[in-house]
Amino acid sequence: MAAAGATPVGPQAAYGVPPRSVDQARQRLADVAERMCRAIVPLVALGSADDRREAVRSLRASALEATSWGAGPSAFPGLDRS
């Protein structure tokens, strides 16, 4: 990211209240994996061919993780659907 001129967002001071149920925990995990997809998508277009391949592998892994936690499948994970 730094080589591309981007600055990663720093850690948050607090991450909210703990989940109150297994379903809420699964939803949060799916959300994190979906946000990872959104963060990885721009990296697919940057760098060398090897860098792009690694970004695609990471995007695929995050998309599969999201669906394993209950997120709906997406034809283009990480892209804005609006």
C-alpha atoms as a PDB file:
ATOM      1  CA  MET A   1       0.000   0.000   0.000  1.00  0.00           C
ATOM      2  CA  ALA A   2       2.797   2.418   0.848  1.00  0.00           C
ATOM      3  CA  ALA A   3       4.483   1.821  -2.518  1.00  0.00           C
ATOM      4  CA  ALA A   4       1.200   2.794  -4.187  1.00  0.00           C
ATOM      5  CA  GLY A   5       1.045   6.020  -2.177  1.00  0.00           C
ATOM      6  CA  ALA A   6      -1.776   4.863   0.091  1.00  0.00           C
ATOM      7  CA  THR A   7      -1.809   5.096   3.861  1.00  0.00           C
ATOM      8  CA  PRO A   8      -3.466   2.261   5.775  1.00  0.00           C
ATOM      9  CA  VAL A   9      -6.012   3.195   8.424  1.00  0.00           C
ATOM     10  CA  GLY A  10      -4.651   2.754  11.920  1.00  0.00           C
ATOM     11  CA  PRO A  11      -6.197   0.546  14.596  1.00  0.00           C
ATOM     12  CA  GLN A  12      -9.354   1.736  16.277  1.00  0.00           C
ATOM     13  CA  ALA A  13      -9.363   2.620  19.969  1.00  0.00           C
ATOM     14  CA  ALA A  14     -12.402   0.400  20.594  1.00  0.00           C
ATOM     15  CA  TYR A  15     -14.198  -2.220  18.616  1.00  0.00           C
ATOM     16  CA  GLY A  16     -17.615  -2.063  20.261  1.00  0.00           C
ATOM     17  CA  VAL A  17     -19.370  -4.385  22.621  1.00  0.00           C
ATOM     18  CA  PRO A  18     -18.805  -8.129  22.508  1.00  0.00           C
ATOM     19  CA  PRO A  19     -21.322 -10.135  20.482  1.00  0.00           C
ATOM     20  CA  ARG A  20     -24.285 -11.334  22.499  1.00  0.00           C
ATOM     21  CA  SER A  21     -24.960 -14.469  20.488  1.00  0.00           C
ATOM     22  CA  VAL A  22     -23.305 -16.905  18.131  1.00  0.00           C
ATOM     23  CA  ASP A  23     -25.319 -15.446  15.249  1.00  0.00           C
ATOM     24  CA  GLN A  24     -24.110 -11.934  16.059  1.00  0.00           C
ATOM     25  CA  ALA A  25     -20.514 -13.172  16.229  1.00  0.00           C
ATOM     26  CA  ARG A  26     -20.890 -14.918  12.853  1.00  0.00           C
ATOM     27  CA  GLN A  27     -22.333 -11.729  11.350  1.00  0.00           C
ATOM     28  CA  ARG A  28     -19.390  -9.701  12.620  1.00  0.00           C
ATOM     29  CA  LEU A  29     -16.901 -12.206  11.248  1.00  0.00           C
ATOM     30  CA  ALA A  30     -18.650 -12.181   7.868  1.00  0.00           C
ATOM     31  CA  ASP A  31     -18.548  -8.381   7.912  1.00  0.00           C
ATOM     32  CA  VAL A  32     -14.805  -8.344   8.643  1.00  0.00           C
ATOM     33  CA  ALA A  33     -14.131 -10.763   5.781  1.00  0.00           C
ATOM     34  CA  GLU A  34     -16.287  -8.678   3.408  1.00  0.00           C
ATOM     35  CA  ARG A  35     -14.412  -5.528   4.435  1.00  0.00           C
ATOM     36  CA  MET A  36     -11.150  -7.361   3.739  1.00  0.00           C
ATOM     37  CA  CYS A  37     -12.441  -8.023   0.213  1.00  0.00           C
ATOM     38  CA  ARG A  38     -13.165  -4.315  -0.259  1.00  0.00           C
ATOM     39  CA  ALA A  39      -9.657  -3.457   0.970  1.00  0.00           C
ATOM     40  CA  ILE A  40      -7.980  -5.999  -1.311  1.00  0.00           C
ATOM     41  CA  VAL A  41      -9.800  -5.128  -4.569  1.00  0.00           C
ATOM     42  CA  PRO A  42      -7.667  -2.027  -5.312  1.00  0.00           C
ATOM     43  CA  LEU A  43      -4.507  -4.083  -4.790  1.00  0.00           C
ATOM     44  CA  VAL A  44      -5.477  -6.389  -7.670  1.00  0.00           C
ATOM     45  CA  ALA A  45      -4.697  -3.571 -10.105  1.00  0.00           C
ATOM     46  CA  LEU A  46      -1.355  -2.593  -8.572  1.00  0.00           C
ATOM     47  CA  GLY A  47       2.167  -3.919  -8.742  1.00  0.00           C
ATOM     48  CA  SER A  48       3.765  -6.712 -10.657  1.00  0.00           C
ATOM     49  CA  ALA A  49       2.043  -9.783 -12.021  1.00  0.00           C
ATOM     50  CA  ASP A  50       3.142 -11.711  -8.920  1.00  0.00           C
ATOM     51  CA  ASP A  51       1.690  -9.003  -6.672  1.00  0.00           C
ATOM     52  CA  ARG A  52      -1.609  -9.111  -8.550  1.00  0.00           C
ATOM     53  CA  ARG A  53      -1.754 -12.909  -8.328  1.00  0.00           C
ATOM     54  CA  GLU A  54      -1.213 -12.701  -4.565  1.00  0.00           C
ATOM     55  CA  ALA A  55      -3.931 -10.050  -4.258  1.00  0.00           C
ATOM     56  CA  VAL A  56      -6.354 -12.261  -6.221  1.00  0.00           C
ATOM     57  CA  ARG A  57      -5.502 -15.242  -3.981  1.00  0.00           C
ATOM     58  CA  SER A  58      -6.116 -13.086  -0.904  1.00  0.00           C
ATOM     59  CA  LEU A  59      -9.373 -11.755  -2.327  1.00  0.00           C
ATOM     60  CA  ARG A  60     -10.574 -15.298  -3.025  1.00  0.00           C
ATOM     61  CA  ALA A  61      -9.621 -16.448   0.479  1.00  0.00           C
ATOM     62  CA  SER A  62     -11.439 -13.511   2.091  1.00  0.00           C
ATOM     63  CA  ALA A  63     -14.528 -14.064  -0.071  1.00  0.00           C
ATOM     64  CA  LEU A  64     -14.629 -17.745   0.895  1.00  0.00           C
ATOM     65  CA  GLU A  65     -14.162 -16.811   4.546  1.00  0.00           C
ATOM     66  CA  ALA A  66     -17.066 -14.355   4.332  1.00  0.00           C
ATOM     67  CA  THR A  67     -19.393 -16.989   2.898  1.00  0.00           C
ATOM     68  CA  SER A  68     -18.255 -19.536   5.488  1.00  0.00           C
ATOM     69  CA  TRP A  69     -19.463 -17.101   8.191  1.00  0.00           C
ATOM     70  CA  GLY A  70     -22.819 -16.590   6.505  1.00  0.00           C
ATOM     71  CA  ALA A  71     -22.346 -13.740   4.023  1.00  0.00           C
ATOM     72  CA  GLY A  72     -24.151 -14.127   0.742  1.00  0.00           C
ATOM     73  CA  PRO A  73     -22.043 -15.071  -2.266  1.00  0.00           C
ATOM     74  CA  SER A  74     -21.060 -12.337  -4.691  1.00  0.00           C
ATOM     75  CA  ALA A  75     -20.023 -12.533  -8.335  1.00  0.00           C
ATOM     76  CA  PHE A  76     -17.517  -9.735  -7.697  1.00  0.00           C
ATOM     77  CA  PRO A  77     -16.518  -9.781  -4.012  1.00  0.00           C
ATOM     78  CA  GLY A  78     -15.260  -6.505  -2.689  1.00  0.00           C
ATOM     79  CA  LEU A  79     -16.824  -4.308  -5.339  1.00  0.00           C
ATOM     80  CA  ASP A  80     -19.400  -1.715  -4.309  1.00  0.00           C
ATOM     81  CA  ARG A  81     -22.852  -3.075  -5.142  1.00  0.00           C
ATOM     82  CA  SER A  82     -24.619   0.298  -5.158  1.00  0.00           C
END
